[in-house]
Amino acid sequence: MGIASQAWGIARDQAAAYTLAGSDYGPQNALRHCIFAGLLDSWGWRAAIAELIGGAALPPIFGLQFIKPLLVLYGATLALRVRLVLWAHEKFGDDGCGNVATGTVDSECDQRNNEVGLSIGGPFTANADVITAAKAALDGGRLFMTPGPKDLSTVVSTAGWKTSPWMAGGPQDKDCSYVIKNGGTPMKKIPTVNVEDLPKVGQQQIPTVNVEDLPKAK
């Protein structure tokens, strides 16, 4: 299992254990992405340092001189590789309502929360410290979510999430019929047409013409 898969598993479990509200668009989603980005950054840095040290320590033996610069380069591109993983996760991930790729408010929240997670992670940051800092970011309002399960069109701070509509009557999850994509209209508000209101065949009023009213030929 790769670093990204392991980090995502921990982030998913930790976020779900902390709150069941808003697995997408809400506070759980915000926490999950923050932890994921933080762990990915921390683990990535450690792997990069190991690669740099390993590459620099290779003896000048024939054949290894080609591997050494590749290892050093691979380690030096850590930040780019971490951001590539996060970008791919958003580009090909599902918002929980069947919308794939960026373009939803959920994706906008995810990208902002990823940035906070990256600021938490680091080569010397332990897993427990990443998780603790991410929870503090959620409770302190540094992360982002939508206002509630039926208000999925705007981005707000997670400050006060425990008393938000996400927790009204207990943990709530998103209502996919209110999802807005690419600035469009919420699915809930698309006008519908009742088939019963449509004119029936044979009931349409066809205009009639009185022959007596037609102009006479001269």
N, C-alpha and C. Protein backbone atom coordinates (compact mmCIF):
# COMPACT_ATOMS: atom_id res chain seq x y z
N MET A 1 0.85 -1.19 0.00
CA MET A 1 0.00 0.00 0.00
C MET A 1 0.88 1.24 0.00
N GLY A 2 0.56 2.22 -0.86
CA GLY A 2 1.35 3.42 -0.97
C GLY A 2 1.13 4.39 0.16
N ILE A 3 2.00 5.42 0.22
CA ILE A 3 1.90 6.43 1.27
C ILE A 3 0.55 7.12 1.24
N ALA A 4 0.08 7.48 0.04
CA ALA A 4 -1.18 8.21 -0.09
C ALA A 4 -2.35 7.38 0.44
N SER A 5 -2.38 6.09 0.11
CA SER A 5 -3.47 5.22 0.55
C SER A 5 -3.48 5.07 2.06
N GLN A 6 -2.28 4.90 2.66
CA GLN A 6 -2.19 4.77 4.11
C GLN A 6 -2.62 6.06 4.81
N ALA A 7 -2.16 7.20 4.27
CA ALA A 7 -2.51 8.48 4.87
C ALA A 7 -4.01 8.73 4.78
N TRP A 8 -4.60 8.37 3.65
CA TRP A 8 -6.04 8.57 3.48
C TRP A 8 -6.84 7.70 4.45
N GLY A 9 -6.39 6.47 4.66
CA GLY A 9 -7.08 5.58 5.58
C GLY A 9 -7.08 6.12 7.00
N ILE A 10 -5.95 6.63 7.43
CA ILE A 10 -5.86 7.21 8.78
C ILE A 10 -6.73 8.46 8.88
N ALA A 11 -6.65 9.31 7.87
CA ALA A 11 -7.44 10.55 7.87
C ALA A 11 -8.94 10.25 7.89
N ARG A 12 -9.35 9.29 7.11
CA ARG A 12 -10.77 8.90 7.06
C ARG A 12 -11.26 8.41 8.42
N ASP A 13 -10.49 7.53 9.05
CA ASP A 13 -10.90 6.95 10.32
C ASP A 13 -10.88 7.99 11.45
N GLN A 14 -9.86 8.83 11.47
CA GLN A 14 -9.75 9.84 12.52
C GLN A 14 -10.87 10.88 12.41
N ALA A 15 -11.18 11.29 11.20
CA ALA A 15 -12.24 12.29 11.00
C ALA A 15 -13.60 11.72 11.37
N ALA A 16 -13.85 10.46 10.98
CA ALA A 16 -15.13 9.82 11.29
C ALA A 16 -15.29 9.60 12.79
N ALA A 17 -14.18 9.34 13.47
CA ALA A 17 -14.24 9.13 14.92
C ALA A 17 -14.51 10.45 15.66
N TYR A 18 -14.11 11.56 15.05
CA TYR A 18 -14.26 12.86 15.70
C TYR A 18 -15.66 13.44 15.50
N THR A 19 -16.21 13.27 14.29
CA THR A 19 -17.56 13.74 14.02
C THR A 19 -18.15 12.98 12.83
N LEU A 20 -19.45 12.74 12.90
CA LEU A 20 -20.16 12.07 11.81
C LEU A 20 -20.89 13.09 10.93
N ALA A 21 -20.77 14.35 11.26
CA ALA A 21 -21.48 15.39 10.52
C ALA A 21 -20.75 15.78 9.25
N GLY A 22 -21.46 15.72 8.13
CA GLY A 22 -20.91 16.23 6.87
C GLY A 22 -19.73 15.45 6.35
N SER A 23 -19.97 14.20 5.96
CA SER A 23 -18.86 13.40 5.39
C SER A 23 -18.37 14.00 4.08
N ASP A 24 -19.22 14.78 3.44
CA ASP A 24 -18.84 15.60 2.29
C ASP A 24 -19.49 16.95 2.50
N TYR A 25 -18.79 17.99 2.10
CA TYR A 25 -19.28 19.36 2.22
C TYR A 25 -19.27 19.90 3.66
N GLY A 26 -19.14 19.03 4.66
CA GLY A 26 -19.26 19.46 6.04
C GLY A 26 -18.00 19.34 6.87
N PRO A 27 -18.13 19.37 8.19
CA PRO A 27 -16.97 19.37 9.09
C PRO A 27 -16.14 18.09 9.03
N GLN A 28 -16.76 16.92 8.90
CA GLN A 28 -15.96 15.70 8.81
C GLN A 28 -15.08 15.72 7.56
N ASN A 29 -15.65 16.18 6.48
CA ASN A 29 -14.89 16.28 5.23
C ASN A 29 -13.70 17.23 5.38
N ALA A 30 -13.95 18.36 6.04
CA ALA A 30 -12.89 19.35 6.24
C ALA A 30 -11.74 18.76 7.05
N LEU A 31 -12.07 18.08 8.14
CA LEU A 31 -11.05 17.48 8.99
C LEU A 31 -10.30 16.38 8.25
N ARG A 32 -11.02 15.55 7.51
CA ARG A 32 -10.39 14.45 6.79
C ARG A 32 -9.34 14.96 5.80
N HIS A 33 -9.68 15.97 5.06
CA HIS A 33 -8.74 16.50 4.06
C HIS A 33 -7.55 17.18 4.71
N CYS A 34 -7.78 17.86 5.82
CA CYS A 34 -6.67 18.52 6.51
C CYS A 34 -5.68 17.49 7.04
N ILE A 35 -6.19 16.44 7.67
CA ILE A 35 -5.32 15.38 8.19
C ILE A 35 -4.59 14.69 7.05
N PHE A 36 -5.30 14.40 5.99
CA PHE A 36 -4.70 13.71 4.84
C PHE A 36 -3.53 14.51 4.27
N ALA A 37 -3.74 15.79 4.03
CA ALA A 37 -2.68 16.62 3.47
C ALA A 37 -1.50 16.74 4.42
N GLY A 38 -1.81 16.86 5.72
CA GLY A 38 -0.74 16.97 6.71
C GLY A 38 0.10 15.72 6.80
N LEU A 39 -0.55 14.56 6.82
CA LEU A 39 0.19 13.29 6.88
C LEU A 39 0.97 13.06 5.60
N LEU A 40 0.34 13.37 4.47
CA LEU A 40 1.01 13.17 3.19
C LEU A 40 2.27 14.02 3.10
N ASP A 41 2.17 15.24 3.59
CA ASP A 41 3.33 16.13 3.58
C ASP A 41 4.42 15.60 4.51
N SER A 42 4.05 15.20 5.71
CA SER A 42 5.03 14.70 6.68
C SER A 42 5.71 13.43 6.19
N TRP A 43 4.92 12.47 5.75
CA TRP A 43 5.48 11.20 5.28
C TRP A 43 6.29 11.42 4.02
N GLY A 44 5.82 12.31 3.18
CA GLY A 44 6.55 12.59 1.95
C GLY A 44 7.92 13.19 2.22
N TRP A 45 7.97 14.10 3.19
CA TRP A 45 9.25 14.70 3.56
C TRP A 45 10.24 13.66 4.07
N ARG A 46 9.75 12.75 4.89
CA ARG A 46 10.64 11.72 5.43
C ARG A 46 11.17 10.82 4.31
N ALA A 47 10.28 10.47 3.38
CA ALA A 47 10.70 9.64 2.25
C ALA A 47 11.71 10.39 1.38
N ALA A 48 11.46 11.69 1.20
CA ALA A 48 12.35 12.50 0.37
C ALA A 48 13.73 12.62 1.00
N ILE A 49 13.76 12.83 2.32
CA ILE A 49 15.05 12.93 3.00
C ILE A 49 15.81 11.62 2.89
N ALA A 50 15.09 10.51 3.03
CA ALA A 50 15.74 9.20 2.89
C ALA A 50 16.29 9.02 1.49
N GLU A 51 15.55 9.50 0.50
CA GLU A 51 16.01 9.38 -0.88
C GLU A 51 17.23 10.25 -1.13
N LEU A 52 17.19 11.46 -0.58
CA LEU A 52 18.34 12.36 -0.76
C LEU A 52 19.59 11.79 -0.11
N ILE A 53 19.44 11.29 1.11
CA ILE A 53 20.58 10.71 1.82
C ILE A 53 21.08 9.47 1.09
N GLY A 54 20.12 8.64 0.66
CA GLY A 54 20.50 7.42 -0.05
C GLY A 54 21.21 7.72 -1.35
N GLY A 55 20.71 8.71 -2.07
CA GLY A 55 21.34 9.07 -3.33
C GLY A 55 22.73 9.65 -3.14
N ALA A 56 22.88 10.49 -2.11
CA ALA A 56 24.18 11.11 -1.87
C ALA A 56 25.20 10.11 -1.35
N ALA A 57 24.74 9.04 -0.71
CA ALA A 57 25.65 8.06 -0.11
C ALA A 57 26.09 6.96 -1.08
N LEU A 58 25.50 6.92 -2.25
CA LEU A 58 25.87 5.87 -3.20
C LEU A 58 27.35 5.99 -3.59
N PRO A 59 28.08 4.89 -3.60
CA PRO A 59 29.49 4.93 -3.98
C PRO A 59 29.63 5.17 -5.48
N PRO A 60 30.74 5.77 -5.89
CA PRO A 60 30.94 6.08 -7.31
C PRO A 60 31.31 4.83 -8.12
N ILE A 61 30.43 3.86 -8.13
CA ILE A 61 30.65 2.63 -8.89
C ILE A 61 29.97 2.77 -10.24
N PHE A 62 30.53 2.17 -11.24
CA PHE A 62 29.99 2.25 -12.60
C PHE A 62 28.53 1.78 -12.58
N GLY A 63 27.66 2.57 -13.15
CA GLY A 63 26.23 2.24 -13.20
C GLY A 63 25.45 3.00 -12.16
N LEU A 64 26.05 3.15 -10.96
CA LEU A 64 25.35 3.88 -9.91
C LEU A 64 25.39 5.38 -10.12
N GLN A 65 26.37 5.83 -10.94
CA GLN A 65 26.46 7.27 -11.16
C GLN A 65 25.24 7.81 -11.90
N PHE A 66 24.50 6.92 -12.56
CA PHE A 66 23.29 7.35 -13.26
C PHE A 66 22.08 7.35 -12.31
N ILE A 67 22.12 6.48 -11.32
CA ILE A 67 21.01 6.37 -10.37
C ILE A 67 21.06 7.48 -9.34
N LYS A 68 22.27 7.84 -8.93
CA LYS A 68 22.44 8.83 -7.87
C LYS A 68 21.72 10.15 -8.15
N PRO A 69 21.93 10.79 -9.30
CA PRO A 69 21.23 12.06 -9.54
C PRO A 69 19.72 11.90 -9.64
N LEU A 70 19.27 10.73 -10.10
CA LEU A 70 17.83 10.49 -10.18
C LEU A 70 17.20 10.43 -8.80
N LEU A 71 17.89 9.76 -7.85
CA LEU A 71 17.39 9.69 -6.48
C LEU A 71 17.36 11.07 -5.83
N VAL A 72 18.42 11.83 -6.07
CA VAL A 72 18.49 13.18 -5.51
C VAL A 72 17.37 14.05 -6.09
N LEU A 73 17.16 13.96 -7.40
CA LEU A 73 16.11 14.74 -8.05
C LEU A 73 14.73 14.32 -7.55
N TYR A 74 14.54 13.01 -7.38
CA TYR A 74 13.25 12.49 -6.90
C TYR A 74 12.94 13.02 -5.51
N GLY A 75 13.96 13.07 -4.66
CA GLY A 75 13.76 13.60 -3.32
C GLY A 75 13.52 15.10 -3.32
N ALA A 76 14.18 15.79 -4.23
CA ALA A 76 14.08 17.25 -4.27
C ALA A 76 12.73 17.73 -4.79
N THR A 77 12.00 16.87 -5.47
CA THR A 77 10.70 17.27 -6.03
C THR A 77 9.54 16.87 -5.13
N LEU A 78 9.81 16.71 -3.86
CA LEU A 78 8.80 16.26 -2.90
C LEU A 78 7.55 17.14 -2.91
N ALA A 79 7.73 18.44 -2.80
CA ALA A 79 6.58 19.35 -2.72
C ALA A 79 5.69 19.23 -3.95
N LEU A 80 6.32 19.12 -5.10
CA LEU A 80 5.56 18.98 -6.33
C LEU A 80 4.79 17.67 -6.36
N ARG A 81 5.41 16.59 -5.89
CA ARG A 81 4.75 15.29 -5.91
C ARG A 81 3.56 15.24 -4.96
N VAL A 82 3.71 15.86 -3.78
CA VAL A 82 2.61 15.89 -2.81
C VAL A 82 1.43 16.65 -3.39
N ARG A 83 1.69 17.80 -3.99
CA ARG A 83 0.62 18.60 -4.57
C ARG A 83 -0.03 17.90 -5.77
N LEU A 84 0.77 17.12 -6.47
CA LEU A 84 0.22 16.36 -7.60
C LEU A 84 -0.77 15.31 -7.11
N VAL A 85 -0.43 14.65 -6.00
CA VAL A 85 -1.33 13.65 -5.43
C VAL A 85 -2.64 14.32 -4.98
N LEU A 86 -2.52 15.46 -4.31
CA LEU A 86 -3.71 16.17 -3.83
C LEU A 86 -4.56 16.67 -5.00
N TRP A 87 -3.90 17.15 -6.05
CA TRP A 87 -4.63 17.61 -7.24
C TRP A 87 -5.37 16.44 -7.89
N ALA A 88 -4.70 15.31 -8.02
CA ALA A 88 -5.33 14.14 -8.65
C ALA A 88 -6.51 13.66 -7.83
N HIS A 89 -6.37 13.76 -6.50
CA HIS A 89 -7.46 13.32 -5.62
C HIS A 89 -8.71 14.16 -5.86
N GLU A 90 -8.52 15.46 -6.09
CA GLU A 90 -9.66 16.34 -6.36
C GLU A 90 -10.17 16.18 -7.79
N LYS A 91 -9.24 15.99 -8.70
CA LYS A 91 -9.61 15.92 -10.12
C LYS A 91 -10.42 14.67 -10.43
N PHE A 92 -10.10 13.57 -9.79
CA PHE A 92 -10.76 12.31 -10.11
C PHE A 92 -11.61 11.77 -8.96
N GLY A 93 -11.75 12.55 -7.89
CA GLY A 93 -12.55 12.12 -6.76
C GLY A 93 -14.03 12.47 -6.93
N ASP A 94 -14.84 11.85 -6.11
CA ASP A 94 -16.29 12.05 -6.12
C ASP A 94 -16.69 12.89 -4.92
N ASP A 95 -17.61 13.83 -5.11
CA ASP A 95 -18.03 14.69 -4.00
C ASP A 95 -19.05 14.01 -3.09
N GLY A 96 -19.32 12.72 -3.35
CA GLY A 96 -20.29 12.00 -2.54
C GLY A 96 -21.69 12.07 -3.10
N CYS A 97 -21.84 12.85 -4.18
CA CYS A 97 -23.15 12.99 -4.83
C CYS A 97 -23.07 12.66 -6.32
N GLY A 98 -22.00 11.98 -6.71
CA GLY A 98 -21.87 11.56 -8.11
C GLY A 98 -21.20 12.56 -9.01
N ASN A 99 -20.73 13.69 -8.46
CA ASN A 99 -20.02 14.69 -9.27
C ASN A 99 -18.52 14.45 -9.17
N VAL A 100 -17.90 14.14 -10.28
CA VAL A 100 -16.47 13.84 -10.31
C VAL A 100 -15.72 15.07 -10.81
N ALA A 101 -14.56 15.29 -10.27
CA ALA A 101 -13.65 16.38 -10.66
C ALA A 101 -14.00 17.67 -9.92
N THR A 102 -13.20 18.69 -10.18
CA THR A 102 -13.41 19.98 -9.55
C THR A 102 -14.63 20.65 -10.15
N GLY A 103 -15.10 21.70 -9.52
CA GLY A 103 -16.26 22.41 -10.03
C GLY A 103 -17.37 22.52 -9.00
N THR A 104 -17.29 21.75 -7.92
CA THR A 104 -18.29 21.85 -6.87
C THR A 104 -17.72 22.66 -5.71
N VAL A 105 -18.61 23.14 -4.85
CA VAL A 105 -18.17 23.85 -3.65
C VAL A 105 -17.40 22.91 -2.74
N ASP A 106 -17.76 21.63 -2.76
CA ASP A 106 -17.05 20.63 -1.97
C ASP A 106 -15.58 20.59 -2.36
N SER A 107 -15.31 20.62 -3.65
CA SER A 107 -13.93 20.59 -4.13
C SER A 107 -13.19 21.86 -3.72
N GLU A 108 -13.89 23.00 -3.74
CA GLU A 108 -13.26 24.25 -3.31
C GLU A 108 -12.87 24.17 -1.84
N CYS A 109 -13.76 23.62 -1.02
CA CYS A 109 -13.46 23.45 0.40
C CYS A 109 -12.25 22.52 0.57
N ASP A 110 -12.25 21.43 -0.18
CA ASP A 110 -11.16 20.46 -0.07
C ASP A 110 -9.82 21.10 -0.36
N GLN A 111 -9.75 21.88 -1.42
CA GLN A 111 -8.48 22.49 -1.81
C GLN A 111 -7.99 23.46 -0.74
N ARG A 112 -8.90 24.22 -0.16
CA ARG A 112 -8.50 25.14 0.91
C ARG A 112 -8.03 24.38 2.15
N ASN A 113 -8.74 23.30 2.48
CA ASN A 113 -8.37 22.51 3.66
C ASN A 113 -7.06 21.77 3.43
N ASN A 114 -6.80 21.39 2.20
CA ASN A 114 -5.50 20.77 1.88
C ASN A 114 -4.36 21.72 2.18
N GLU A 115 -4.56 22.99 1.86
CA GLU A 115 -3.50 23.99 2.09
C GLU A 115 -3.20 24.12 3.58
N VAL A 116 -4.25 24.10 4.40
CA VAL A 116 -4.05 24.17 5.85
C VAL A 116 -3.29 22.93 6.32
N GLY A 117 -3.67 21.77 5.79
CA GLY A 117 -2.98 20.53 6.15
C GLY A 117 -1.51 20.56 5.79
N LEU A 118 -1.20 21.11 4.62
CA LEU A 118 0.20 21.20 4.20
C LEU A 118 1.00 22.11 5.14
N SER A 119 0.34 23.13 5.66
CA SER A 119 1.05 24.03 6.59
C SER A 119 1.28 23.37 7.95
N ILE A 120 0.48 22.34 8.26
CA ILE A 120 0.64 21.62 9.52
C ILE A 120 1.73 20.56 9.42
N GLY A 121 1.80 19.88 8.29
CA GLY A 121 2.77 18.80 8.11
C GLY A 121 4.20 19.29 8.05
N GLY A 122 5.12 18.35 8.11
CA GLY A 122 6.55 18.69 8.04
C GLY A 122 7.39 17.47 8.33
N PRO A 123 8.67 17.53 8.01
CA PRO A 123 9.53 16.34 8.18
C PRO A 123 9.66 15.88 9.62
N PHE A 124 9.43 16.77 10.57
CA PHE A 124 9.61 16.39 11.98
C PHE A 124 8.28 16.41 12.74
N THR A 125 7.17 16.40 12.02
CA THR A 125 5.84 16.42 12.65
C THR A 125 5.30 15.01 12.76
N ALA A 126 5.05 14.56 13.97
CA ALA A 126 4.54 13.21 14.19
C ALA A 126 3.07 13.11 13.77
N ASN A 127 2.65 11.89 13.51
CA ASN A 127 1.26 11.67 13.09
C ASN A 127 0.27 12.23 14.10
N ALA A 128 0.51 11.95 15.36
CA ALA A 128 -0.40 12.42 16.41
C ALA A 128 -0.48 13.94 16.44
N ASP A 129 0.65 14.60 16.18
CA ASP A 129 0.67 16.06 16.17
C ASP A 129 -0.12 16.62 14.99
N VAL A 130 -0.03 15.95 13.84
CA VAL A 130 -0.81 16.37 12.67
C VAL A 130 -2.30 16.28 12.97
N ILE A 131 -2.71 15.17 13.56
CA ILE A 131 -4.13 14.94 13.87
C ILE A 131 -4.63 15.94 14.89
N THR A 132 -3.85 16.18 15.93
CA THR A 132 -4.24 17.14 16.97
C THR A 132 -4.36 18.54 16.40
N ALA A 133 -3.39 18.92 15.58
CA ALA A 133 -3.40 20.26 14.98
C ALA A 133 -4.56 20.42 14.01
N ALA A 134 -4.90 19.36 13.29
CA ALA A 134 -6.02 19.42 12.35
C ALA A 134 -7.34 19.59 13.08
N LYS A 135 -7.51 18.89 14.20
CA LYS A 135 -8.73 19.03 15.00
C LYS A 135 -8.83 20.45 15.56
N ALA A 136 -7.70 21.00 15.98
CA ALA A 136 -7.70 22.37 16.49
C ALA A 136 -8.05 23.36 15.38
N ALA A 137 -7.58 23.07 14.16
CA ALA A 137 -7.89 23.93 13.03
C ALA A 137 -9.38 23.89 12.72
N LEU A 138 -9.98 22.69 12.83
CA LEU A 138 -11.42 22.56 12.61
C LEU A 138 -12.21 23.35 13.64
N ASP A 139 -11.91 23.12 14.91
CA ASP A 139 -12.66 23.77 15.99
C ASP A 139 -12.38 25.27 16.04
N GLY A 140 -11.17 25.66 15.64
CA GLY A 140 -10.80 27.07 15.69
C GLY A 140 -11.23 27.88 14.48
N GLY A 141 -11.81 27.22 13.49
CA GLY A 141 -12.31 27.95 12.32
C GLY A 141 -11.31 28.19 11.22
N ARG A 142 -10.20 27.46 11.21
CA ARG A 142 -9.21 27.62 10.13
C ARG A 142 -9.60 26.82 8.89
N LEU A 143 -10.50 25.86 9.05
CA LEU A 143 -10.89 25.04 7.91
C LEU A 143 -12.19 25.57 7.30
N PHE A 144 -12.61 24.93 6.21
CA PHE A 144 -13.75 25.44 5.45
C PHE A 144 -14.76 24.34 5.15
N MET A 145 -16.03 24.73 5.14
CA MET A 145 -17.13 23.81 4.87
C MET A 145 -18.27 24.63 4.25
N THR A 146 -19.41 24.00 4.00
CA THR A 146 -20.60 24.73 3.60
C THR A 146 -21.47 24.94 4.84
N PRO A 147 -22.41 25.88 4.80
CA PRO A 147 -23.18 26.22 6.01
C PRO A 147 -24.00 25.08 6.60
N GLY A 148 -24.49 24.18 5.77
CA GLY A 148 -25.34 23.11 6.30
C GLY A 148 -25.70 22.10 5.23
N PRO A 149 -26.39 21.03 5.61
CA PRO A 149 -26.69 19.95 4.68
C PRO A 149 -27.58 20.34 3.52
N LYS A 150 -28.32 21.47 3.66
CA LYS A 150 -29.17 21.94 2.57
C LYS A 150 -28.74 23.31 2.07
N ASP A 151 -27.56 23.72 2.48
CA ASP A 151 -26.98 24.99 2.01
C ASP A 151 -25.57 24.68 1.55
N LEU A 152 -25.45 24.22 0.32
CA LEU A 152 -24.18 23.71 -0.20
C LEU A 152 -23.58 24.60 -1.27
N SER A 153 -23.98 25.87 -1.28
CA SER A 153 -23.58 26.75 -2.37
C SER A 153 -22.47 27.74 -2.03
N THR A 154 -22.13 27.85 -0.74
CA THR A 154 -21.12 28.81 -0.33
C THR A 154 -20.11 28.17 0.63
N VAL A 155 -18.97 28.82 0.76
CA VAL A 155 -17.89 28.34 1.64
C VAL A 155 -17.85 29.21 2.89
N VAL A 156 -17.86 28.57 4.04
CA VAL A 156 -17.78 29.30 5.30
C VAL A 156 -16.72 28.66 6.19
N SER A 157 -16.33 29.37 7.22
CA SER A 157 -15.38 28.84 8.20
C SER A 157 -16.04 27.76 9.04
N THR A 158 -15.22 26.85 9.54
CA THR A 158 -15.74 25.78 10.41
C THR A 158 -15.94 26.25 11.85
N ALA A 159 -15.69 27.52 12.12
CA ALA A 159 -15.91 28.04 13.47
C ALA A 159 -17.38 27.84 13.84
N GLY A 160 -17.63 27.27 14.99
CA GLY A 160 -18.99 27.06 15.44
C GLY A 160 -19.70 25.91 14.76
N TRP A 161 -18.95 25.00 14.18
CA TRP A 161 -19.58 23.89 13.46
C TRP A 161 -20.43 23.01 14.39
N LYS A 162 -20.08 22.97 15.66
CA LYS A 162 -20.81 22.11 16.60
C LYS A 162 -22.23 22.60 16.87
N THR A 163 -22.49 23.86 16.59
CA THR A 163 -23.84 24.40 16.76
C THR A 163 -24.45 24.80 15.41
N SER A 164 -23.86 24.35 14.33
CA SER A 164 -24.34 24.67 12.99
C SER A 164 -25.45 23.72 12.56
N PRO A 165 -26.11 23.98 11.43
CA PRO A 165 -27.13 23.05 10.93
C PRO A 165 -26.61 21.63 10.70
N TRP A 166 -25.30 21.49 10.59
CA TRP A 166 -24.73 20.14 10.42
C TRP A 166 -24.98 19.27 11.65
N MET A 167 -25.26 19.92 12.78
CA MET A 167 -25.46 19.17 14.02
C MET A 167 -26.88 19.32 14.56
N ALA A 168 -27.78 19.88 13.75
CA ALA A 168 -29.15 20.10 14.20
C ALA A 168 -29.87 18.77 14.38
N GLY A 169 -30.20 18.46 15.63
CA GLY A 169 -30.85 17.19 15.92
C GLY A 169 -29.93 16.00 15.83
N GLY A 170 -28.62 16.25 15.92
CA GLY A 170 -27.64 15.18 15.76
C GLY A 170 -26.87 15.36 14.46
N PRO A 171 -25.79 14.62 14.27
CA PRO A 171 -24.97 14.76 13.06
C PRO A 171 -25.79 14.56 11.78
N GLN A 172 -25.65 15.50 10.86
CA GLN A 172 -26.37 15.45 9.59
C GLN A 172 -25.38 15.26 8.44
N ASP A 173 -25.89 14.72 7.34
CA ASP A 173 -25.06 14.59 6.14
C ASP A 173 -25.68 15.41 5.02
N LYS A 174 -24.92 15.62 3.94
CA LYS A 174 -25.36 16.49 2.85
C LYS A 174 -26.63 15.95 2.18
N ASP A 175 -27.42 16.89 1.66
CA ASP A 175 -28.58 16.56 0.84
C ASP A 175 -28.18 16.83 -0.60
N CYS A 176 -27.92 15.77 -1.34
CA CYS A 176 -27.35 15.91 -2.69
C CYS A 176 -28.24 16.70 -3.64
N SER A 177 -29.53 16.81 -3.34
CA SER A 177 -30.41 17.56 -4.24
C SER A 177 -30.16 19.06 -4.18
N TYR A 178 -29.33 19.51 -3.23
CA TYR A 178 -29.01 20.93 -3.12
C TYR A 178 -27.60 21.25 -3.65
N VAL A 179 -26.95 20.27 -4.25
CA VAL A 179 -25.59 20.49 -4.74
C VAL A 179 -25.61 21.42 -5.94
N ILE A 180 -24.71 22.39 -5.93
CA ILE A 180 -24.54 23.30 -7.06
C ILE A 180 -23.20 22.99 -7.71
N LYS A 181 -23.20 22.84 -9.02
CA LYS A 181 -21.96 22.55 -9.74
C LYS A 181 -21.71 23.60 -10.80
N ASN A 182 -20.47 24.09 -10.83
CA ASN A 182 -20.04 25.05 -11.84
C ASN A 182 -20.96 26.27 -11.91
N GLY A 183 -21.40 26.73 -10.75
CA GLY A 183 -22.21 27.94 -10.73
C GLY A 183 -23.63 27.74 -11.24
N GLY A 184 -24.10 26.53 -11.34
CA GLY A 184 -25.42 26.26 -11.88
C GLY A 184 -26.53 26.41 -10.85
N THR A 185 -27.67 25.87 -11.18
CA THR A 185 -28.84 25.94 -10.31
C THR A 185 -28.94 24.70 -9.46
N PRO A 186 -29.23 24.83 -8.18
CA PRO A 186 -29.39 23.63 -7.35
C PRO A 186 -30.42 22.69 -7.96
N MET A 187 -30.12 21.40 -7.92
CA MET A 187 -31.03 20.43 -8.51
C MET A 187 -32.41 20.53 -7.89
N LYS A 188 -32.46 20.90 -6.61
CA LYS A 188 -33.73 20.98 -5.89
C LYS A 188 -34.65 22.03 -6.50
N LYS A 189 -34.04 23.06 -7.10
CA LYS A 189 -34.83 24.20 -7.55
C LYS A 189 -35.12 24.19 -9.06
N ILE A 190 -34.75 23.14 -9.73
CA ILE A 190 -35.06 23.05 -11.16
C ILE A 190 -36.56 22.87 -11.31
N PRO A 191 -37.23 23.75 -12.07
CA PRO A 191 -38.69 23.62 -12.19
C PRO A 191 -39.07 22.31 -12.86
N THR A 192 -40.17 21.74 -12.38
CA THR A 192 -40.65 20.49 -12.96
C THR A 192 -41.99 20.72 -13.64
N VAL A 193 -42.32 19.86 -14.57
CA VAL A 193 -43.57 19.96 -15.30
C VAL A 193 -44.41 18.73 -14.99
N ASN A 194 -45.64 18.96 -14.58
CA ASN A 194 -46.56 17.88 -14.30
C ASN A 194 -47.19 17.40 -15.61
N VAL A 195 -47.05 16.12 -15.85
CA VAL A 195 -47.59 15.57 -17.09
C VAL A 195 -49.08 15.83 -17.20
N GLU A 196 -49.79 15.85 -16.07
CA GLU A 196 -51.24 16.05 -16.08
C GLU A 196 -51.62 17.44 -16.58
N ASP A 197 -50.65 18.37 -16.48
CA ASP A 197 -50.94 19.75 -16.89
C ASP A 197 -50.74 19.97 -18.39
N LEU A 198 -50.13 18.99 -19.06
CA LEU A 198 -49.91 19.12 -20.49
C LEU A 198 -51.21 18.92 -21.25
N PRO A 199 -51.42 19.61 -22.39
CA PRO A 199 -52.65 19.43 -23.17
C PRO A 199 -52.74 18.01 -23.72
N LYS A 200 -53.92 17.44 -23.65
CA LYS A 200 -54.15 16.09 -24.16
C LYS A 200 -54.41 16.15 -25.66
N VAL A 201 -54.03 15.08 -26.34
CA VAL A 201 -54.32 14.97 -27.77
C VAL A 201 -55.82 14.91 -27.96
N GLY A 202 -56.34 15.75 -28.85
CA GLY A 202 -57.78 15.77 -29.09
C GLY A 202 -58.48 16.84 -28.28
N GLN A 203 -57.74 17.44 -27.32
CA GLN A 203 -58.35 18.48 -26.50
C GLN A 203 -57.83 19.87 -26.87
N GLN A 204 -56.88 19.92 -27.81
CA GLN A 204 -56.33 21.20 -28.20
C GLN A 204 -57.37 21.99 -29.00
N GLN A 205 -57.44 23.27 -28.77
CA GLN A 205 -58.38 24.14 -29.46
C GLN A 205 -57.81 24.56 -30.80
N ILE A 206 -58.40 24.02 -31.87
CA ILE A 206 -57.95 24.38 -33.22
C ILE A 206 -58.84 25.51 -33.73
N PRO A 207 -58.27 26.63 -34.15
CA PRO A 207 -59.10 27.76 -34.60
C PRO A 207 -59.93 27.38 -35.83
N THR A 208 -61.17 27.84 -35.87
CA THR A 208 -62.05 27.57 -37.01
C THR A 208 -62.27 28.84 -37.82
N VAL A 209 -62.60 28.69 -39.10
CA VAL A 209 -62.83 29.81 -40.00
C VAL A 209 -64.21 29.67 -40.63
N ASN A 210 -65.01 30.71 -40.59
CA ASN A 210 -66.33 30.73 -41.24
C ASN A 210 -66.16 31.07 -42.69
N VAL A 211 -66.68 30.22 -43.55
CA VAL A 211 -66.54 30.44 -44.99
C VAL A 211 -67.13 31.77 -45.40
N GLU A 212 -68.23 32.19 -44.74
CA GLU A 212 -68.89 33.43 -45.10
C GLU A 212 -68.00 34.67 -44.85
N ASP A 213 -67.01 34.46 -43.96
CA ASP A 213 -66.12 35.59 -43.62
C ASP A 213 -64.95 35.75 -44.56
N LEU A 214 -64.75 34.77 -45.46
CA LEU A 214 -63.64 34.83 -46.39
C LEU A 214 -63.93 35.88 -47.48
N PRO A 215 -62.91 36.58 -47.99
CA PRO A 215 -63.13 37.56 -49.06
C PRO A 215 -63.65 36.89 -50.32
N LYS A 216 -64.63 37.50 -50.99
CA LYS A 216 -65.20 36.99 -52.23
C LYS A 216 -64.31 37.31 -53.40
N ALA A 217 -64.22 36.38 -54.37
CA ALA A 217 -63.46 36.62 -55.60
C ALA A 217 -64.21 37.61 -56.48
N LYS A 218 -63.48 38.57 -57.09
CA LYS A 218 -64.11 39.58 -57.94
C LYS A 218 -64.10 39.10 -59.41
